[in-house]
């Protein structure tokens, strides 16, 4: 994978004609573009060469996650129907209770 233009000379004004600056400024710009292209190429090569290893714990978690749906599809259909009909009621007490329970579980010291 290559990032950026391959012919960087087309993007550098080495004469300074376009900007009204000296040719040294144009040469500096060209040098900066070439360095950027080199860095981008090196980064692209590093990404292409990168490997990822998944631990047994992570692989087990992925297998468990893919084992079956954790979503009650019937409940989803009921909520969708109630929303479409405008009859869905929000229970703020139930939401608050679940938020508090989640916060308590997160704050509970691990033994």
Protein backbone atom coordinates (compact mmCIF):
# COMPACT_ATOMS: atom_id res chain seq x y z
CA UNK A 1 0.00 0.00 0.00
CA UNK A 2 1.45 3.35 -0.98
CA UNK A 3 0.27 6.59 0.52
CA UNK A 4 0.63 9.85 -1.35
CA UNK A 5 1.73 10.63 -4.87
CA UNK A 6 4.60 8.69 -6.35
CA UNK A 7 5.98 11.54 -8.46
CA UNK A 8 6.41 14.24 -5.86
CA UNK A 9 8.25 16.56 -8.20
CA UNK A 10 4.93 17.53 -9.78
CA UNK A 11 3.83 19.01 -6.45
CA UNK A 12 6.96 21.04 -5.71
CA UNK A 13 7.62 24.40 -7.31
CA UNK A 14 11.41 24.35 -7.55
CA UNK A 15 11.49 27.56 -9.55
CA UNK A 16 9.41 29.60 -7.15
CA UNK A 17 7.41 30.95 -10.08
CA UNK A 18 4.03 30.04 -8.66
CA UNK A 19 4.67 31.52 -5.25
CA UNK A 20 7.04 34.33 -6.07
CA UNK A 21 9.57 32.83 -3.65
CA UNK A 22 13.15 31.87 -4.33
CA UNK A 23 14.11 28.50 -5.76
CA UNK A 24 15.58 27.51 -2.38
CA UNK A 25 12.06 27.62 -0.90
CA UNK A 26 10.81 25.45 -3.75
CA UNK A 27 13.67 23.00 -3.20
CA UNK A 28 12.89 22.91 0.53
CA UNK A 29 9.26 22.15 -0.28
CA UNK A 30 10.27 19.38 -2.66
CA UNK A 31 12.63 17.87 -0.07
CA UNK A 32 9.88 17.96 2.55
CA UNK A 33 7.47 16.22 0.18
CA UNK A 34 10.00 13.51 -0.61
CA UNK A 35 10.66 12.94 3.11
CA UNK A 36 6.91 12.74 3.75
CA UNK A 37 6.54 10.22 0.95
CA UNK A 38 9.35 8.13 2.43
CA UNK A 39 7.76 8.18 5.90
CA UNK A 40 4.36 7.29 4.45
CA UNK A 41 5.90 4.43 2.51
CA UNK A 42 7.65 3.12 5.61
CA UNK A 43 4.42 3.33 7.62
CA UNK A 44 2.53 1.53 4.87
CA UNK A 45 5.13 -1.25 4.80
CA UNK A 46 4.98 -1.58 8.59
CA UNK A 47 1.19 -1.90 8.50
CA UNK A 48 1.37 -4.49 5.71
CA UNK A 49 3.90 -6.53 7.72
CA UNK A 50 2.05 -6.33 11.06
CA UNK A 51 0.69 -9.54 12.52
CA UNK A 52 -1.89 -9.96 15.23
CA UNK A 53 -1.93 -12.87 17.65
CA UNK A 54 -5.06 -13.60 19.67
CA UNK A 55 -4.64 -15.18 23.09
CA UNK A 56 -6.58 -18.28 24.09
CA UNK A 57 -8.66 -16.18 26.49
CA UNK A 58 -9.61 -13.74 23.72
CA UNK A 59 -10.35 -16.59 21.32
CA UNK A 60 -12.60 -18.18 23.94
CA UNK A 61 -14.40 -14.89 24.50
CA UNK A 62 -14.95 -14.51 20.76
CA UNK A 63 -16.32 -18.05 20.54
CA UNK A 64 -18.67 -17.41 23.45
CA UNK A 65 -19.81 -14.14 21.91
CA UNK A 66 -20.59 -15.85 18.61
CA UNK A 67 -22.34 -18.82 20.26
CA UNK A 68 -25.80 -17.39 20.02
CA UNK A 69 -27.89 -14.25 20.09
CA UNK A 70 -27.86 -12.32 23.36
CA UNK A 71 -30.80 -10.31 22.10
CA UNK A 72 -34.41 -11.28 22.70
CA UNK A 73 -35.70 -10.77 19.17
CA UNK A 74 -39.32 -11.08 20.24
CA UNK A 75 -38.84 -8.27 22.77
CA UNK A 76 -37.22 -6.15 20.04
CA UNK A 77 -40.22 -6.71 17.77
CA UNK A 78 -42.60 -5.74 20.58
CA UNK A 79 -40.70 -2.52 21.27
CA UNK A 80 -40.57 -1.69 17.56
CA UNK A 81 -44.32 -2.21 17.24
CA UNK A 82 -45.03 -0.07 20.32
CA UNK A 83 -42.78 2.70 18.98
CA UNK A 84 -44.47 2.59 15.58
CA UNK A 85 -47.92 2.78 17.22
CA UNK A 86 -46.85 5.50 19.66
CA UNK A 87 -47.75 3.38 22.68
CA UNK A 88 -44.24 2.75 24.04
CA UNK A 89 -43.92 3.86 27.67
CA UNK A 90 -40.59 4.68 29.27
CA UNK A 91 -40.18 3.50 32.86
CA UNK A 92 -37.65 5.92 34.40
CA UNK A 93 -37.60 4.03 37.72
CA UNK A 94 -36.51 0.80 36.01
CA UNK A 95 -33.84 2.67 34.05
CA UNK A 96 -32.53 4.32 37.23
CA UNK A 97 -32.46 0.98 39.07
CA UNK A 98 -30.45 -0.66 36.28
CA UNK A 99 -27.99 2.27 36.11
CA UNK A 100 -27.41 2.11 39.86
CA UNK A 101 -26.95 -1.67 39.74
CA UNK A 102 -24.43 -1.31 36.90
CA UNK A 103 -22.51 1.39 38.75
CA UNK A 104 -22.43 -0.71 41.93
CA UNK A 105 -21.15 -3.71 39.99
CA UNK A 106 -18.39 -1.62 38.42
CA UNK A 107 -17.36 -0.09 41.76
CA UNK A 108 -17.44 -3.39 43.65
CA UNK A 109 -13.92 -4.47 44.59
CA UNK A 110 -12.69 -7.55 42.79
CA UNK A 111 -11.80 -10.40 45.10
